[in-house]
mmCIF file of all heavy atoms, coordinates in Angstrom:
data_MODEL
# 
_entry.id   MODEL 
# 
loop_
_atom_site.group_PDB 
_atom_site.id 
_atom_site.type_symbol 
_atom_site.label_atom_id 
_atom_site.label_alt_id 
_atom_site.label_comp_id 
_atom_site.label_asym_id 
_atom_site.label_entity_id 
_atom_site.label_seq_id 
_atom_site.pdbx_PDB_ins_code 
_atom_site.Cartn_x 
_atom_site.Cartn_y 
_atom_site.Cartn_z 
_atom_site.occupancy 
_atom_site.B_iso_or_equiv 
_atom_site.pdbx_formal_charge 
_atom_site.auth_seq_id 
_atom_site.auth_comp_id 
_atom_site.auth_asym_id 
_atom_site.auth_atom_id 
_atom_site.pdbx_PDB_model_num 
ATOM 1   N N   . GLU A 1 1  ? -9.881  11.270  -25.280 1.00 0.00 ? 1  GLU A N   1 
ATOM 2   C CA  . GLU A 1 1  ? -11.283 10.957  -24.981 1.00 0.00 ? 1  GLU A CA  1 
ATOM 3   C C   . GLU A 1 1  ? -11.608 10.996  -23.488 1.00 0.00 ? 1  GLU A C   1 
ATOM 4   O O   . GLU A 1 1  ? -12.749 11.146  -23.100 1.00 0.00 ? 1  GLU A O   1 
ATOM 5   C CB  . GLU A 1 1  ? -11.640 9.573   -25.541 1.00 0.00 ? 1  GLU A CB  1 
ATOM 6   C CG  . GLU A 1 1  ? -11.477 9.436   -27.040 1.00 0.00 ? 1  GLU A CG  1 
ATOM 7   C CD  . GLU A 1 1  ? -12.434 10.309  -27.820 1.00 0.00 ? 1  GLU A CD  1 
ATOM 8   O OE1 . GLU A 1 1  ? -13.589 10.478  -27.373 1.00 0.00 ? 1  GLU A OE1 1 
ATOM 9   O OE2 . GLU A 1 1  ? -12.020 10.828  -28.869 1.00 0.00 ? 1  GLU A OE2 1 
ATOM 10  N N   . LYS A 1 2  ? -10.599 10.769  -22.640 1.00 0.00 ? 2  LYS A N   1 
ATOM 11  C CA  . LYS A 1 2  ? -10.732 10.780  -21.171 1.00 0.00 ? 2  LYS A CA  1 
ATOM 12  C C   . LYS A 1 2  ? -11.669 9.698   -20.633 1.00 0.00 ? 2  LYS A C   1 
ATOM 13  O O   . LYS A 1 2  ? -12.209 9.821   -19.549 1.00 0.00 ? 2  LYS A O   1 
ATOM 14  C CB  . LYS A 1 2  ? -11.201 12.147  -20.661 1.00 0.00 ? 2  LYS A CB  1 
ATOM 15  C CG  . LYS A 1 2  ? -10.233 13.265  -20.951 1.00 0.00 ? 2  LYS A CG  1 
ATOM 16  C CD  . LYS A 1 2  ? -10.675 14.549  -20.300 1.00 0.00 ? 2  LYS A CD  1 
ATOM 17  C CE  . LYS A 1 2  ? -9.655  15.641  -20.569 1.00 0.00 ? 2  LYS A CE  1 
ATOM 18  N NZ  . LYS A 1 2  ? -10.028 16.905  -19.954 1.00 0.00 ? 2  LYS A NZ  1 
ATOM 19  N N   . ASN A 1 3  ? -11.881 8.626   -21.374 1.00 0.00 ? 3  ASN A N   1 
ATOM 20  C CA  . ASN A 1 3  ? -12.814 7.601   -20.891 1.00 0.00 ? 3  ASN A CA  1 
ATOM 21  C C   . ASN A 1 3  ? -12.235 6.184   -20.884 1.00 0.00 ? 3  ASN A C   1 
ATOM 22  O O   . ASN A 1 3  ? -12.937 5.239   -20.594 1.00 0.00 ? 3  ASN A O   1 
ATOM 23  C CB  . ASN A 1 3  ? -14.116 7.629   -21.702 1.00 0.00 ? 3  ASN A CB  1 
ATOM 24  C CG  . ASN A 1 3  ? -13.893 7.316   -23.164 1.00 0.00 ? 3  ASN A CG  1 
ATOM 25  O OD1 . ASN A 1 3  ? -12.803 6.919   -23.558 1.00 0.00 ? 3  ASN A OD1 1 
ATOM 26  N ND2 . ASN A 1 3  ? -14.919 7.496   -23.967 1.00 0.00 ? 3  ASN A ND2 1 
ATOM 27  N N   . ASN A 1 4  ? -10.969 6.058   -21.200 1.00 0.00 ? 4  ASN A N   1 
ATOM 28  C CA  . ASN A 1 4  ? -10.362 4.726   -21.219 1.00 0.00 ? 4  ASN A CA  1 
ATOM 29  C C   . ASN A 1 4  ? -9.060  4.768   -20.412 1.00 0.00 ? 4  ASN A C   1 
ATOM 30  O O   . ASN A 1 4  ? -7.996  4.477   -20.909 1.00 0.00 ? 4  ASN A O   1 
ATOM 31  C CB  . ASN A 1 4  ? -10.100 4.295   -22.660 1.00 0.00 ? 4  ASN A CB  1 
ATOM 32  C CG  . ASN A 1 4  ? -9.731  2.836   -22.758 1.00 0.00 ? 4  ASN A CG  1 
ATOM 33  O OD1 . ASN A 1 4  ? -10.004 2.055   -21.847 1.00 0.00 ? 4  ASN A OD1 1 
ATOM 34  N ND2 . ASN A 1 4  ? -9.098  2.453   -23.842 1.00 0.00 ? 4  ASN A ND2 1 
ATOM 35  N N   . ASN A 1 5  ? -9.203  5.154   -19.135 1.00 0.00 ? 5  ASN A N   1 
ATOM 36  C CA  . ASN A 1 5  ? -8.063  5.355   -18.253 1.00 0.00 ? 5  ASN A CA  1 
ATOM 37  C C   . ASN A 1 5  ? -7.936  4.186   -17.285 1.00 0.00 ? 5  ASN A C   1 
ATOM 38  O O   . ASN A 1 5  ? -8.904  3.491   -17.009 1.00 0.00 ? 5  ASN A O   1 
ATOM 39  C CB  . ASN A 1 5  ? -8.249  6.654   -17.470 1.00 0.00 ? 5  ASN A CB  1 
ATOM 40  C CG  . ASN A 1 5  ? -8.552  7.815   -18.389 1.00 0.00 ? 5  ASN A CG  1 
ATOM 41  O OD1 . ASN A 1 5  ? -7.689  8.309   -19.084 1.00 0.00 ? 5  ASN A OD1 1 
ATOM 42  N ND2 . ASN A 1 5  ? -9.813  8.232   -18.417 1.00 0.00 ? 5  ASN A ND2 1 
ATOM 43  N N   . LYS A 1 6  ? -6.730  4.020   -16.746 1.00 0.00 ? 6  LYS A N   1 
ATOM 44  C CA  . LYS A 1 6  ? -6.491  2.903   -15.829 1.00 0.00 ? 6  LYS A CA  1 
ATOM 45  C C   . LYS A 1 6  ? -5.359  3.274   -14.882 1.00 0.00 ? 6  LYS A C   1 
ATOM 46  O O   . LYS A 1 6  ? -4.413  3.956   -15.271 1.00 0.00 ? 6  LYS A O   1 
ATOM 47  C CB  . LYS A 1 6  ? -6.112  1.656   -16.612 1.00 0.00 ? 6  LYS A CB  1 
ATOM 48  C CG  . LYS A 1 6  ? -5.927  0.432   -15.745 1.00 0.00 ? 6  LYS A CG  1 
ATOM 49  C CD  . LYS A 1 6  ? -5.747  -0.805  -16.593 1.00 0.00 ? 6  LYS A CD  1 
ATOM 50  C CE  . LYS A 1 6  ? -5.646  -2.053  -15.785 1.00 0.00 ? 6  LYS A CE  1 
ATOM 51  N NZ  . LYS A 1 6  ? -6.773  -2.347  -14.943 1.00 0.00 ? 6  LYS A NZ  1 
ATOM 52  N N   . ALA A 1 7  ? -5.488  2.823   -13.631 1.00 0.00 ? 7  ALA A N   1 
ATOM 53  C CA  . ALA A 1 7  ? -4.416  3.004   -12.651 1.00 0.00 ? 7  ALA A CA  1 
ATOM 54  C C   . ALA A 1 7  ? -4.352  1.768   -11.763 1.00 0.00 ? 7  ALA A C   1 
ATOM 55  O O   . ALA A 1 7  ? -5.384  1.215   -11.393 1.00 0.00 ? 7  ALA A O   1 
ATOM 56  C CB  . ALA A 1 7  ? -4.661  4.244   -11.805 1.00 0.00 ? 7  ALA A CB  1 
ATOM 57  N N   . ILE A 1 8  ? -3.135  1.337   -11.453 1.00 0.00 ? 8  ILE A N   1 
ATOM 58  C CA  . ILE A 1 8  ? -2.920  0.219   -10.531 1.00 0.00 ? 8  ILE A CA  1 
ATOM 59  C C   . ILE A 1 8  ? -1.794  0.607   -9.583  1.00 0.00 ? 8  ILE A C   1 
ATOM 60  O O   . ILE A 1 8  ? -0.735  1.058   -10.023 1.00 0.00 ? 8  ILE A O   1 
ATOM 61  C CB  . ILE A 1 8  ? -2.549  -1.085  -11.271 1.00 0.00 ? 8  ILE A CB  1 
ATOM 62  C CG1 . ILE A 1 8  ? -3.676  -1.532  -12.198 1.00 0.00 ? 8  ILE A CG1 1 
ATOM 63  C CG2 . ILE A 1 8  ? -2.214  -2.187  -10.271 1.00 0.00 ? 8  ILE A CG2 1 
ATOM 64  C CD1 . ILE A 1 8  ? -3.360  -2.762  -13.015 1.00 0.00 ? 8  ILE A CD1 1 
ATOM 65  N N   . PHE A 1 9  ? -2.056  0.422   -8.288  1.00 0.00 ? 9  PHE A N   1 
ATOM 66  C CA  . PHE A 1 9  ? -1.045  0.683   -7.266  1.00 0.00 ? 9  PHE A CA  1 
ATOM 67  C C   . PHE A 1 9  ? -1.023  -0.494  -6.303  1.00 0.00 ? 9  PHE A C   1 
ATOM 68  O O   . PHE A 1 9  ? -2.057  -1.112  -6.036  1.00 0.00 ? 9  PHE A O   1 
ATOM 69  C CB  . PHE A 1 9  ? -1.354  1.970   -6.497  1.00 0.00 ? 9  PHE A CB  1 
ATOM 70  C CG  . PHE A 1 9  ? -1.293  3.196   -7.354  1.00 0.00 ? 9  PHE A CG  1 
ATOM 71  C CD1 . PHE A 1 9  ? -2.434  3.731   -7.915  1.00 0.00 ? 9  PHE A CD1 1 
ATOM 72  C CD2 . PHE A 1 9  ? -0.078  3.801   -7.619  1.00 0.00 ? 9  PHE A CD2 1 
ATOM 73  C CE1 . PHE A 1 9  ? -2.382  4.849   -8.719  1.00 0.00 ? 9  PHE A CE1 1 
ATOM 74  C CE2 . PHE A 1 9  ? -0.010  4.926   -8.430  1.00 0.00 ? 9  PHE A CE2 1 
ATOM 75  C CZ  . PHE A 1 9  ? -1.157  5.451   -8.981  1.00 0.00 ? 9  PHE A CZ  1 
ATOM 76  N N   . SER A 1 10 ? 0.155   -0.793  -5.776  1.00 0.00 ? 10 SER A N   1 
ATOM 77  C CA  . SER A 1 10 ? 0.269   -1.878  -4.796  1.00 0.00 ? 10 SER A CA  1 
ATOM 78  C C   . SER A 1 10 ? 1.257   -1.484  -3.712  1.00 0.00 ? 10 SER A C   1 
ATOM 79  O O   . SER A 1 10 ? 2.133   -0.641  -3.923  1.00 0.00 ? 10 SER A O   1 
ATOM 80  C CB  . SER A 1 10 ? 0.718   -3.178  -5.467  1.00 0.00 ? 10 SER A CB  1 
ATOM 81  O OG  . SER A 1 10 ? 2.046   -3.060  -5.939  1.00 0.00 ? 10 SER A OG  1 
ATOM 82  N N   . VAL A 1 11 ? 1.086   -2.103  -2.541  1.00 0.00 ? 11 VAL A N   1 
ATOM 83  C CA  . VAL A 1 11 ? 2.024   -1.929  -1.434  1.00 0.00 ? 11 VAL A CA  1 
ATOM 84  C C   . VAL A 1 11 ? 2.483   -3.302  -0.969  1.00 0.00 ? 11 VAL A C   1 
ATOM 85  O O   . VAL A 1 11 ? 1.734   -4.279  -1.052  1.00 0.00 ? 11 VAL A O   1 
ATOM 86  C CB  . VAL A 1 11 ? 1.403   -1.155  -0.242  1.00 0.00 ? 11 VAL A CB  1 
ATOM 87  C CG1 . VAL A 1 11 ? 1.059   0.268   -0.636  1.00 0.00 ? 11 VAL A CG1 1 
ATOM 88  C CG2 . VAL A 1 11 ? 0.200   -1.882  0.326   1.00 0.00 ? 11 VAL A CG2 1 
ATOM 89  N N   . GLU A 1 12 ? 3.727   -3.358  -0.502  1.00 0.00 ? 12 GLU A N   1 
ATOM 90  C CA  . GLU A 1 12 ? 4.253   -4.584  0.115   1.00 0.00 ? 12 GLU A CA  1 
ATOM 91  C C   . GLU A 1 12 ? 3.814   -4.584  1.573   1.00 0.00 ? 12 GLU A C   1 
ATOM 92  O O   . GLU A 1 12 ? 4.184   -3.685  2.331   1.00 0.00 ? 12 GLU A O   1 
ATOM 93  C CB  . GLU A 1 12 ? 5.779   -4.622  0.033   1.00 0.00 ? 12 GLU A CB  1 
ATOM 94  C CG  . GLU A 1 12 ? 6.327   -4.770  -1.359  1.00 0.00 ? 12 GLU A CG  1 
ATOM 95  C CD  . GLU A 1 12 ? 6.226   -6.187  -1.893  1.00 0.00 ? 12 GLU A CD  1 
ATOM 96  O OE1 . GLU A 1 12 ? 6.055   -7.137  -1.094  1.00 0.00 ? 12 GLU A OE1 1 
ATOM 97  O OE2 . GLU A 1 12 ? 6.286   -6.340  -3.118  1.00 0.00 ? 12 GLU A OE2 1 
ATOM 98  N N   . ILE A 1 13 ? 3.025   -5.571  1.959   1.00 0.00 ? 13 ILE A N   1 
ATOM 99  C CA  . ILE A 1 13 ? 2.466   -5.622  3.302   1.00 0.00 ? 13 ILE A CA  1 
ATOM 100 C C   . ILE A 1 13 ? 3.547   -5.710  4.371   1.00 0.00 ? 13 ILE A C   1 
ATOM 101 O O   . ILE A 1 13 ? 3.456   -5.057  5.415   1.00 0.00 ? 13 ILE A O   1 
ATOM 102 C CB  . ILE A 1 13 ? 1.495   -6.825  3.432   1.00 0.00 ? 13 ILE A CB  1 
ATOM 103 C CG1 . ILE A 1 13 ? 0.290   -6.639  2.500   1.00 0.00 ? 13 ILE A CG1 1 
ATOM 104 C CG2 . ILE A 1 13 ? 1.046   -7.020  4.872   1.00 0.00 ? 13 ILE A CG2 1 
ATOM 105 C CD1 . ILE A 1 13 ? -0.607  -5.484  2.829   1.00 0.00 ? 13 ILE A CD1 1 
ATOM 106 N N   . ASN A 1 14 ? 4.581   -6.498  4.143   1.00 0.00 ? 14 ASN A N   1 
ATOM 107 C CA  . ASN A 1 14 ? 5.561   -6.723  5.213   1.00 0.00 ? 14 ASN A CA  1 
ATOM 108 C C   . ASN A 1 14 ? 6.555   -5.581  5.380   1.00 0.00 ? 14 ASN A C   1 
ATOM 109 O O   . ASN A 1 14 ? 7.348   -5.580  6.313   1.00 0.00 ? 14 ASN A O   1 
ATOM 110 C CB  . ASN A 1 14 ? 6.304   -8.047  5.026   1.00 0.00 ? 14 ASN A CB  1 
ATOM 111 C CG  . ASN A 1 14 ? 7.128   -8.070  3.759   1.00 0.00 ? 14 ASN A CG  1 
ATOM 112 O OD1 . ASN A 1 14 ? 7.104   -7.130  2.978   1.00 0.00 ? 14 ASN A OD1 1 
ATOM 113 N ND2 . ASN A 1 14 ? 7.842   -9.151  3.547   1.00 0.00 ? 14 ASN A ND2 1 
ATOM 114 N N   . ASP A 1 15 ? 6.525   -4.579  4.504   1.00 0.00 ? 15 ASP A N   1 
ATOM 115 C CA  . ASP A 1 15 ? 7.441   -3.440  4.620   1.00 0.00 ? 15 ASP A CA  1 
ATOM 116 C C   . ASP A 1 15 ? 6.681   -2.232  5.166   1.00 0.00 ? 15 ASP A C   1 
ATOM 117 O O   . ASP A 1 15 ? 6.357   -1.292  4.439   1.00 0.00 ? 15 ASP A O   1 
ATOM 118 C CB  . ASP A 1 15 ? 8.077   -3.134  3.265   1.00 0.00 ? 15 ASP A CB  1 
ATOM 119 C CG  . ASP A 1 15 ? 9.225   -2.150  3.388   1.00 0.00 ? 15 ASP A CG  1 
ATOM 120 O OD1 . ASP A 1 15 ? 9.647   -1.836  4.520   1.00 0.00 ? 15 ASP A OD1 1 
ATOM 121 O OD2 . ASP A 1 15 ? 9.695   -1.672  2.339   1.00 0.00 ? 15 ASP A OD2 1 
ATOM 122 N N   . ILE A 1 16 ? 6.380   -2.279  6.472   1.00 0.00 ? 16 ILE A N   1 
ATOM 123 C CA  . ILE A 1 16 ? 5.647   -1.193  7.106   1.00 0.00 ? 16 ILE A CA  1 
ATOM 124 C C   . ILE A 1 16 ? 6.407   -0.667  8.326   1.00 0.00 ? 16 ILE A C   1 
ATOM 125 O O   . ILE A 1 16 ? 7.202   -1.371  8.935   1.00 0.00 ? 16 ILE A O   1 
ATOM 126 C CB  . ILE A 1 16 ? 4.226   -1.629  7.558   1.00 0.00 ? 16 ILE A CB  1 
ATOM 127 C CG1 . ILE A 1 16 ? 4.286   -2.748  8.596   1.00 0.00 ? 16 ILE A CG1 1 
ATOM 128 C CG2 . ILE A 1 16 ? 3.357   -2.012  6.395   1.00 0.00 ? 16 ILE A CG2 1 
ATOM 129 C CD1 . ILE A 1 16 ? 2.962   -3.008  9.281   1.00 0.00 ? 16 ILE A CD1 1 
ATOM 130 N N   . ASP A 1 17 ? 6.118   0.583   8.638   1.00 0.00 ? 17 ASP A N   1 
ATOM 131 C CA  . ASP A 1 17 ? 6.509   1.187   9.911   1.00 0.00 ? 17 ASP A CA  1 
ATOM 132 C C   . ASP A 1 17 ? 5.216   1.503   10.633  1.00 0.00 ? 17 ASP A C   1 
ATOM 133 O O   . ASP A 1 17 ? 4.230   1.907   10.004  1.00 0.00 ? 17 ASP A O   1 
ATOM 134 C CB  . ASP A 1 17 ? 7.302   2.483   9.688   1.00 0.00 ? 17 ASP A CB  1 
ATOM 135 C CG  . ASP A 1 17 ? 8.667   2.235   9.079   1.00 0.00 ? 17 ASP A CG  1 
ATOM 136 O OD1 . ASP A 1 17 ? 9.267   1.189   9.396   1.00 0.00 ? 17 ASP A OD1 1 
ATOM 137 O OD2 . ASP A 1 17 ? 9.135   3.087   8.308   1.00 0.00 ? 17 ASP A OD2 1 
ATOM 138 N N   . MET A 1 18 ? 5.210   1.320   11.957  1.00 0.00 ? 18 MET A N   1 
ATOM 139 C CA  . MET A 1 18 ? 3.990   1.614   12.721  1.00 0.00 ? 18 MET A CA  1 
ATOM 140 C C   . MET A 1 18 ? 4.340   2.054   14.127  1.00 0.00 ? 18 MET A C   1 
ATOM 141 O O   . MET A 1 18 ? 5.445   1.803   14.613  1.00 0.00 ? 18 MET A O   1 
ATOM 142 C CB  . MET A 1 18 ? 3.063   0.398   12.743  1.00 0.00 ? 18 MET A CB  1 
ATOM 143 C CG  . MET A 1 18 ? 3.671   -0.867  13.316  1.00 0.00 ? 18 MET A CG  1 
ATOM 144 S SD  . MET A 1 18 ? 2.592   -2.305  13.201  1.00 0.00 ? 18 MET A SD  1 
ATOM 145 C CE  . MET A 1 18 ? 1.360   -1.913  14.415  1.00 0.00 ? 18 MET A CE  1 
ATOM 146 N N   . ASN A 1 19 ? 3.371   2.721   14.780  1.00 0.00 ? 19 ASN A N   1 
ATOM 147 C CA  . ASN A 1 19 ? 3.627   3.248   16.115  1.00 0.00 ? 19 ASN A CA  1 
ATOM 148 C C   . ASN A 1 19 ? 3.592   2.153   17.191  1.00 0.00 ? 19 ASN A C   1 
ATOM 149 O O   . ASN A 1 19 ? 4.274   2.281   18.197  1.00 0.00 ? 19 ASN A O   1 
ATOM 150 C CB  . ASN A 1 19 ? 2.654   4.381   16.451  1.00 0.00 ? 19 ASN A CB  1 
ATOM 151 C CG  . ASN A 1 19 ? 1.187   3.968   16.391  1.00 0.00 ? 19 ASN A CG  1 
ATOM 152 O OD1 . ASN A 1 19 ? 0.844   2.976   15.749  1.00 0.00 ? 19 ASN A OD1 1 
ATOM 153 N ND2 . ASN A 1 19 ? 0.316   4.721   17.033  1.00 0.00 ? 19 ASN A ND2 1 
ATOM 154 N N   . TYR A 1 20 ? 2.852   1.080   17.001  1.00 0.00 ? 20 TYR A N   1 
ATOM 155 C CA  . TYR A 1 20 ? 2.833   -0.043  17.947  1.00 0.00 ? 20 TYR A CA  1 
ATOM 156 C C   . TYR A 1 20 ? 3.813   -1.102  17.454  1.00 0.00 ? 20 TYR A C   1 
ATOM 157 O O   . TYR A 1 20 ? 3.425   -2.199  17.058  1.00 0.00 ? 20 TYR A O   1 
ATOM 158 C CB  . TYR A 1 20 ? 1.435   -0.640  18.057  1.00 0.00 ? 20 TYR A CB  1 
ATOM 159 C CG  . TYR A 1 20 ? 0.458   0.195   18.870  1.00 0.00 ? 20 TYR A CG  1 
ATOM 160 C CD1 . TYR A 1 20 ? -0.433  1.064   18.243  1.00 0.00 ? 20 TYR A CD1 1 
ATOM 161 C CD2 . TYR A 1 20 ? 0.413   0.083   20.257  1.00 0.00 ? 20 TYR A CD2 1 
ATOM 162 C CE1 . TYR A 1 20 ? -1.325  1.823   18.983  1.00 0.00 ? 20 TYR A CE1 1 
ATOM 163 C CE2 . TYR A 1 20 ? -0.477  0.833   21.008  1.00 0.00 ? 20 TYR A CE2 1 
ATOM 164 C CZ  . TYR A 1 20 ? -1.347  1.701   20.357  1.00 0.00 ? 20 TYR A CZ  1 
ATOM 165 O OH  . TYR A 1 20 ? -2.237  2.453   21.100  1.00 0.00 ? 20 TYR A OH  1 
ATOM 166 N N   . ILE A 1 21 ? 5.092   -0.789  17.473  1.00 0.00 ? 21 ILE A N   1 
ATOM 167 C CA  . ILE A 1 21 ? 6.106   -1.651  16.871  1.00 0.00 ? 21 ILE A CA  1 
ATOM 168 C C   . ILE A 1 21 ? 6.136   -3.050  17.488  1.00 0.00 ? 21 ILE A C   1 
ATOM 169 O O   . ILE A 1 21 ? 6.416   -4.031  16.800  1.00 0.00 ? 21 ILE A O   1 
ATOM 170 C CB  . ILE A 1 21 ? 7.505   -0.975  16.922  1.00 0.00 ? 21 ILE A CB  1 
ATOM 171 C CG1 . ILE A 1 21 ? 8.471   -1.664  15.959  1.00 0.00 ? 21 ILE A CG1 1 
ATOM 172 C CG2 . ILE A 1 21 ? 8.060   -0.910  18.327  1.00 0.00 ? 21 ILE A CG2 1 
ATOM 173 C CD1 . ILE A 1 21 ? 8.140   -1.512  14.524  1.00 0.00 ? 21 ILE A CD1 1 
ATOM 174 N N   . LYS A 1 22 ? 5.807   -3.168  18.777  1.00 0.00 ? 22 LYS A N   1 
ATOM 175 C CA  . LYS A 1 22 ? 5.836   -4.493  19.410  1.00 0.00 ? 22 LYS A CA  1 
ATOM 176 C C   . LYS A 1 22 ? 4.741   -5.422  18.876  1.00 0.00 ? 22 LYS A C   1 
ATOM 177 O O   . LYS A 1 22 ? 4.801   -6.628  19.078  1.00 0.00 ? 22 LYS A O   1 
ATOM 178 C CB  . LYS A 1 22 ? 5.758   -4.380  20.935  1.00 0.00 ? 22 LYS A CB  1 
ATOM 179 C CG  . LYS A 1 22 ? 4.461   -3.836  21.483  1.00 0.00 ? 22 LYS A CG  1 
ATOM 180 C CD  . LYS A 1 22 ? 4.527   -3.752  23.000  1.00 0.00 ? 22 LYS A CD  1 
ATOM 181 C CE  . LYS A 1 22 ? 3.239   -3.194  23.579  1.00 0.00 ? 22 LYS A CE  1 
ATOM 182 N NZ  . LYS A 1 22 ? 3.280   -3.126  25.039  1.00 0.00 ? 22 LYS A NZ  1 
ATOM 183 N N   . TYR A 1 23 ? 3.752   -4.853  18.173  1.00 0.00 ? 23 TYR A N   1 
ATOM 184 C CA  . TYR A 1 23 ? 2.678   -5.669  17.597  1.00 0.00 ? 23 TYR A CA  1 
ATOM 185 C C   . TYR A 1 23 ? 2.857   -5.885  16.090  1.00 0.00 ? 23 TYR A C   1 
ATOM 186 O O   . TYR A 1 23 ? 1.957   -6.398  15.424  1.00 0.00 ? 23 TYR A O   1 
ATOM 187 C CB  . TYR A 1 23 ? 1.313   -5.034  17.856  1.00 0.00 ? 23 TYR A CB  1 
ATOM 188 C CG  . TYR A 1 23 ? 0.949   -5.001  19.325  1.00 0.00 ? 23 TYR A CG  1 
ATOM 189 C CD1 . TYR A 1 23 ? 0.830   -3.788  19.993  1.00 0.00 ? 23 TYR A CD1 1 
ATOM 190 C CD2 . TYR A 1 23 ? 0.742   -6.177  20.030  1.00 0.00 ? 23 TYR A CD2 1 
ATOM 191 C CE1 . TYR A 1 23 ? 0.505   -3.755  21.354  1.00 0.00 ? 23 TYR A CE1 1 
ATOM 192 C CE2 . TYR A 1 23 ? 0.416   -6.155  21.387  1.00 0.00 ? 23 TYR A CE2 1 
ATOM 193 C CZ  . TYR A 1 23 ? 0.302   -4.938  22.032  1.00 0.00 ? 23 TYR A CZ  1 
ATOM 194 O OH  . TYR A 1 23 ? -0.010  -4.906  23.365  1.00 0.00 ? 23 TYR A OH  1 
ATOM 195 N N   . LYS A 1 24 ? 3.998   -5.504  15.558  1.00 0.00 ? 24 LYS A N   1 
ATOM 196 C CA  . LYS A 1 24 ? 4.215   -5.622  14.109  1.00 0.00 ? 24 LYS A CA  1 
ATOM 197 C C   . LYS A 1 24 ? 4.121   -7.075  13.651  1.00 0.00 ? 24 LYS A C   1 
ATOM 198 O O   . LYS A 1 24 ? 3.475   -7.370  12.639  1.00 0.00 ? 24 LYS A O   1 
ATOM 199 C CB  . LYS A 1 24 ? 5.572   -5.030  13.724  1.00 0.00 ? 24 LYS A CB  1 
ATOM 200 C CG  . LYS A 1 24 ? 5.830   -5.052  12.238  1.00 0.00 ? 24 LYS A CG  1 
ATOM 201 C CD  . LYS A 1 24 ? 7.135   -4.366  11.856  1.00 0.00 ? 24 LYS A CD  1 
ATOM 202 C CE  . LYS A 1 24 ? 7.387   -4.482  10.366  1.00 0.00 ? 24 LYS A CE  1 
ATOM 203 N NZ  . LYS A 1 24 ? 8.630   -3.817  9.963   1.00 0.00 ? 24 LYS A NZ  1 
ATOM 204 N N   . ASP A 1 25 ? 4.741   -8.002  14.377  1.00 0.00 ? 25 ASP A N   1 
ATOM 205 C CA  . ASP A 1 25 ? 4.671   -9.427  13.986  1.00 0.00 ? 25 ASP A CA  1 
ATOM 206 C C   . ASP A 1 25 ? 3.241   -9.940  14.005  1.00 0.00 ? 25 ASP A C   1 
ATOM 207 O O   . ASP A 1 25 ? 2.841   -10.719 13.137  1.00 0.00 ? 25 ASP A O   1 
ATOM 208 C CB  . ASP A 1 25 ? 5.558   -10.277 14.903  1.00 0.00 ? 25 ASP A CB  1 
ATOM 209 C CG  . ASP A 1 25 ? 7.039   -10.060 14.641  1.00 0.00 ? 25 ASP A CG  1 
ATOM 210 O OD1 . ASP A 1 25 ? 7.383   -9.549  13.549  1.00 0.00 ? 25 ASP A OD1 1 
ATOM 211 O OD2 . ASP A 1 25 ? 7.851   -10.387 15.525  1.00 0.00 ? 25 ASP A OD2 1 
# 
C-alpha cells in the first residue's frame, strides 16, 4: 500500500568526532 511506513534513527551524542576537538567537552 506504501502508506503505513515508519523509520526511526538515533545517534549517541557523546560518541562524536569534530574538528574543534578542544571544545568537545
